[in-house]
Amino acid sequence: MFIVIDDSCFVLTSCSIDSQDSKLFFVTNEDSPFYKIISIDFEDKKFKRETFIEQEKDAKLDSASFVNETYLALVYMRNVSLH
């Protein structure tokens, strides 16, 4: 069974980075050209998105991964221009 969360997501860049309990975490450029991390709680039937880590205004989020289910390692690129 598939549930469409947002049919506009195909114009956005996003990828899943991990899950913890009922939450999935994604890196996305939705309203954030330098990327941010959001979470979606699948126990909430509305599948509300919450910003977990805001975008940096002067650095692009290049990668993110959970370490030992406790820490989140983030790699940023600075001096990036959007073309």
N, C-alpha and C. Protein backbone atom coordinates (compact mmCIF):
# COMPACT_ATOMS: atom_id res chain seq x y z
N MET A 1 0.84 -1.18 0.00
CA MET A 1 0.00 0.00 0.00
C MET A 1 0.88 1.24 0.00
N PHE A 2 0.55 2.19 -0.84
CA PHE A 2 1.26 3.45 -0.91
C PHE A 2 0.33 4.57 -0.47
N ILE A 3 0.89 5.51 0.25
CA ILE A 3 0.14 6.68 0.67
C ILE A 3 0.84 7.90 0.09
N VAL A 4 0.13 8.70 -0.69
CA VAL A 4 0.71 9.91 -1.25
C VAL A 4 0.71 10.98 -0.16
N ILE A 5 1.89 11.42 0.21
CA ILE A 5 2.02 12.45 1.23
C ILE A 5 1.86 13.82 0.59
N ASP A 6 2.52 14.00 -0.54
CA ASP A 6 2.47 15.29 -1.23
C ASP A 6 2.83 15.02 -2.68
N ASP A 7 1.88 15.16 -3.57
CA ASP A 7 2.14 14.84 -4.97
C ASP A 7 3.02 15.87 -5.66
N SER A 8 3.37 16.97 -4.99
CA SER A 8 4.28 17.95 -5.57
C SER A 8 5.74 17.62 -5.25
N CYS A 9 5.99 16.57 -4.51
CA CYS A 9 7.36 16.28 -4.08
C CYS A 9 8.27 15.92 -5.24
N PHE A 10 7.72 15.61 -6.40
CA PHE A 10 8.56 15.23 -7.52
C PHE A 10 9.31 16.41 -8.11
N VAL A 11 8.91 17.63 -7.82
CA VAL A 11 9.67 18.79 -8.25
C VAL A 11 10.69 19.21 -7.21
N LEU A 12 10.68 18.57 -6.09
CA LEU A 12 11.61 18.86 -5.01
C LEU A 12 12.68 17.79 -4.95
N THR A 13 13.81 18.15 -4.39
CA THR A 13 14.84 17.17 -4.12
C THR A 13 14.74 16.79 -2.66
N SER A 14 14.58 15.52 -2.40
CA SER A 14 14.56 15.06 -1.01
C SER A 14 14.97 13.61 -0.97
N CYS A 15 15.52 13.21 0.17
CA CYS A 15 15.87 11.81 0.35
C CYS A 15 15.77 11.47 1.83
N SER A 16 15.40 10.26 2.08
CA SER A 16 15.28 9.78 3.45
C SER A 16 16.66 9.53 4.02
N ILE A 17 16.87 9.93 5.29
CA ILE A 17 18.17 9.67 5.90
C ILE A 17 18.09 8.65 7.03
N ASP A 18 16.92 8.54 7.67
CA ASP A 18 16.81 7.56 8.76
C ASP A 18 15.40 7.55 9.31
N SER A 19 15.13 6.61 10.17
CA SER A 19 13.87 6.57 10.89
C SER A 19 14.15 6.26 12.34
N GLN A 20 13.33 6.81 13.20
CA GLN A 20 13.41 6.52 14.63
C GLN A 20 11.99 6.46 15.14
N ASP A 21 11.65 5.34 15.75
CA ASP A 21 10.28 5.10 16.21
C ASP A 21 9.33 5.29 15.03
N SER A 22 8.37 6.16 15.13
CA SER A 22 7.40 6.35 14.05
C SER A 22 7.76 7.52 13.13
N LYS A 23 8.94 8.11 13.30
CA LYS A 23 9.33 9.27 12.50
C LYS A 23 10.34 8.89 11.41
N LEU A 24 10.12 9.47 10.23
CA LEU A 24 11.10 9.40 9.15
C LEU A 24 11.73 10.77 9.01
N PHE A 25 13.02 10.79 8.74
CA PHE A 25 13.76 12.04 8.59
C PHE A 25 14.22 12.16 7.14
N PHE A 26 14.06 13.37 6.58
CA PHE A 26 14.40 13.62 5.18
C PHE A 26 15.25 14.87 5.08
N VAL A 27 16.16 14.86 4.11
CA VAL A 27 16.84 16.09 3.68
C VAL A 27 16.05 16.59 2.49
N THR A 28 15.68 17.87 2.49
CA THR A 28 14.86 18.41 1.41
C THR A 28 15.23 19.85 1.11
N ASN A 29 14.92 20.26 -0.12
CA ASN A 29 15.10 21.66 -0.49
C ASN A 29 13.76 22.38 -0.59
N GLU A 30 12.73 21.80 -0.04
CA GLU A 30 11.41 22.44 -0.04
C GLU A 30 11.47 23.74 0.77
N ASP A 31 11.26 24.86 0.11
CA ASP A 31 11.34 26.19 0.73
C ASP A 31 12.70 26.46 1.35
N SER A 32 13.72 25.73 0.93
CA SER A 32 15.06 25.85 1.50
C SER A 32 16.11 25.52 0.44
N PRO A 33 16.54 26.49 -0.34
CA PRO A 33 17.49 26.18 -1.42
C PRO A 33 18.81 25.59 -0.93
N PHE A 34 19.16 25.82 0.33
CA PHE A 34 20.39 25.24 0.88
C PHE A 34 20.11 23.99 1.71
N TYR A 35 18.91 23.47 1.63
CA TYR A 35 18.48 22.22 2.24
C TYR A 35 18.29 22.32 3.76
N LYS A 36 17.35 21.54 4.23
CA LYS A 36 17.05 21.43 5.65
C LYS A 36 16.64 19.99 5.92
N ILE A 37 16.47 19.66 7.19
CA ILE A 37 16.03 18.32 7.57
C ILE A 37 14.63 18.43 8.17
N ILE A 38 13.74 17.60 7.66
CA ILE A 38 12.37 17.57 8.18
C ILE A 38 12.08 16.17 8.71
N SER A 39 11.05 16.09 9.54
CA SER A 39 10.59 14.79 10.01
C SER A 39 9.10 14.67 9.73
N ILE A 40 8.67 13.45 9.51
CA ILE A 40 7.25 13.14 9.34
C ILE A 40 6.93 12.00 10.29
N ASP A 41 5.94 12.23 11.14
CA ASP A 41 5.52 11.21 12.10
C ASP A 41 4.37 10.42 11.48
N PHE A 42 4.60 9.13 11.24
CA PHE A 42 3.59 8.31 10.58
C PHE A 42 2.51 7.80 11.53
N GLU A 43 2.64 8.07 12.82
CA GLU A 43 1.54 7.78 13.74
C GLU A 43 0.47 8.87 13.65
N ASP A 44 0.88 10.05 13.21
CA ASP A 44 -0.03 11.17 12.99
C ASP A 44 -0.64 10.97 11.61
N LYS A 45 -1.90 10.70 11.51
CA LYS A 45 -2.55 10.38 10.24
C LYS A 45 -2.57 11.55 9.25
N LYS A 46 -2.22 12.75 9.71
CA LYS A 46 -2.14 13.91 8.81
C LYS A 46 -0.77 14.01 8.15
N PHE A 47 0.18 13.19 8.60
CA PHE A 47 1.54 13.18 8.05
C PHE A 47 2.13 14.58 8.02
N LYS A 48 1.95 15.30 9.10
CA LYS A 48 2.45 16.68 9.19
C LYS A 48 3.98 16.70 9.18
N ARG A 49 4.52 17.58 8.36
CA ARG A 49 5.97 17.75 8.31
C ARG A 49 6.39 18.76 9.35
N GLU A 50 7.49 18.47 10.00
CA GLU A 50 8.06 19.41 10.96
C GLU A 50 9.53 19.62 10.62
N THR A 51 9.96 20.87 10.66
CA THR A 51 11.37 21.15 10.43
C THR A 51 12.15 20.67 11.64
N PHE A 52 13.13 19.82 11.38
CA PHE A 52 13.98 19.28 12.44
C PHE A 52 15.24 20.12 12.57
N ILE A 53 15.85 20.48 11.43
CA ILE A 53 17.01 21.38 11.42
C ILE A 53 16.81 22.35 10.26
N GLU A 54 16.79 23.65 10.58
CA GLU A 54 16.61 24.69 9.57
C GLU A 54 17.81 24.75 8.65
N GLN A 55 17.61 25.34 7.46
CA GLN A 55 18.73 25.54 6.55
C GLN A 55 19.65 26.63 7.11
N GLU A 56 20.92 26.53 6.78
CA GLU A 56 21.87 27.60 7.08
C GLU A 56 21.75 28.63 5.98
N LYS A 57 21.89 29.89 6.31
CA LYS A 57 21.74 30.91 5.26
C LYS A 57 22.99 31.09 4.41
N ASP A 58 24.15 30.61 4.90
CA ASP A 58 25.38 30.79 4.13
C ASP A 58 26.11 29.48 3.85
N ALA A 59 25.44 28.34 4.03
CA ALA A 59 26.08 27.04 3.80
C ALA A 59 25.04 26.03 3.32
N LYS A 60 25.42 25.25 2.31
CA LYS A 60 24.52 24.23 1.76
C LYS A 60 24.75 22.91 2.50
N LEU A 61 23.67 22.31 2.95
CA LEU A 61 23.76 21.00 3.59
C LEU A 61 24.08 19.97 2.52
N ASP A 62 25.23 19.33 2.64
CA ASP A 62 25.70 18.39 1.62
C ASP A 62 25.32 16.95 1.96
N SER A 63 25.37 16.59 3.24
CA SER A 63 24.97 15.24 3.64
C SER A 63 24.62 15.23 5.12
N ALA A 64 23.84 14.22 5.48
CA ALA A 64 23.41 14.07 6.88
C ALA A 64 23.22 12.58 7.16
N SER A 65 23.62 12.16 8.34
CA SER A 65 23.40 10.77 8.72
C SER A 65 23.39 10.64 10.24
N PHE A 66 22.56 9.74 10.72
CA PHE A 66 22.52 9.47 12.15
C PHE A 66 23.67 8.54 12.51
N VAL A 67 24.24 8.77 13.69
CA VAL A 67 25.35 7.96 14.20
C VAL A 67 24.91 7.38 15.53
N ASN A 68 24.93 6.07 15.65
CA ASN A 68 24.55 5.36 16.89
C ASN A 68 23.16 5.75 17.39
N GLU A 69 22.27 6.12 16.48
CA GLU A 69 20.89 6.46 16.83
C GLU A 69 20.77 7.61 17.83
N THR A 70 21.87 8.32 18.09
CA THR A 70 21.88 9.39 19.07
C THR A 70 22.30 10.72 18.48
N TYR A 71 23.28 10.68 17.59
CA TYR A 71 23.87 11.90 17.04
C TYR A 71 23.53 12.02 15.56
N LEU A 72 23.54 13.24 15.09
CA LEU A 72 23.31 13.52 13.69
C LEU A 72 24.54 14.22 13.14
N ALA A 73 25.22 13.57 12.20
CA ALA A 73 26.41 14.16 11.57
C ALA A 73 25.99 14.92 10.33
N LEU A 74 26.37 16.18 10.25
CA LEU A 74 26.00 17.04 9.13
C LEU A 74 27.26 17.56 8.45
N VAL A 75 27.24 17.59 7.12
CA VAL A 75 28.34 18.14 6.34
C VAL A 75 27.79 19.29 5.52
N TYR A 76 28.38 20.47 5.68
CA TYR A 76 27.95 21.67 4.96
C TYR A 76 29.03 22.12 3.99
N MET A 77 28.61 22.73 2.88
CA MET A 77 29.52 23.37 1.93
C MET A 77 29.30 24.87 2.03
N ARG A 78 30.38 25.62 2.16
CA ARG A 78 30.29 27.07 2.27
C ARG A 78 30.74 27.73 0.95
N ASN A 79 30.40 28.99 0.80
CA ASN A 79 30.73 29.75 -0.41
C ASN A 79 30.13 29.08 -1.65
N VAL A 80 28.88 28.71 -1.55
CA VAL A 80 28.17 28.03 -2.63
C VAL A 80 27.27 29.04 -3.32
N SER A 81 27.23 28.99 -4.63
CA SER A 81 26.30 29.85 -5.35
C SER A 81 25.27 28.97 -6.04
N LEU A 82 24.06 29.46 -6.11
CA LEU A 82 22.99 28.74 -6.77
C LEU A 82 22.86 29.29 -8.19
N HIS A 83 22.90 28.41 -9.17
CA HIS A 83 22.80 28.85 -10.57
C HIS A 83 21.54 28.29 -11.18
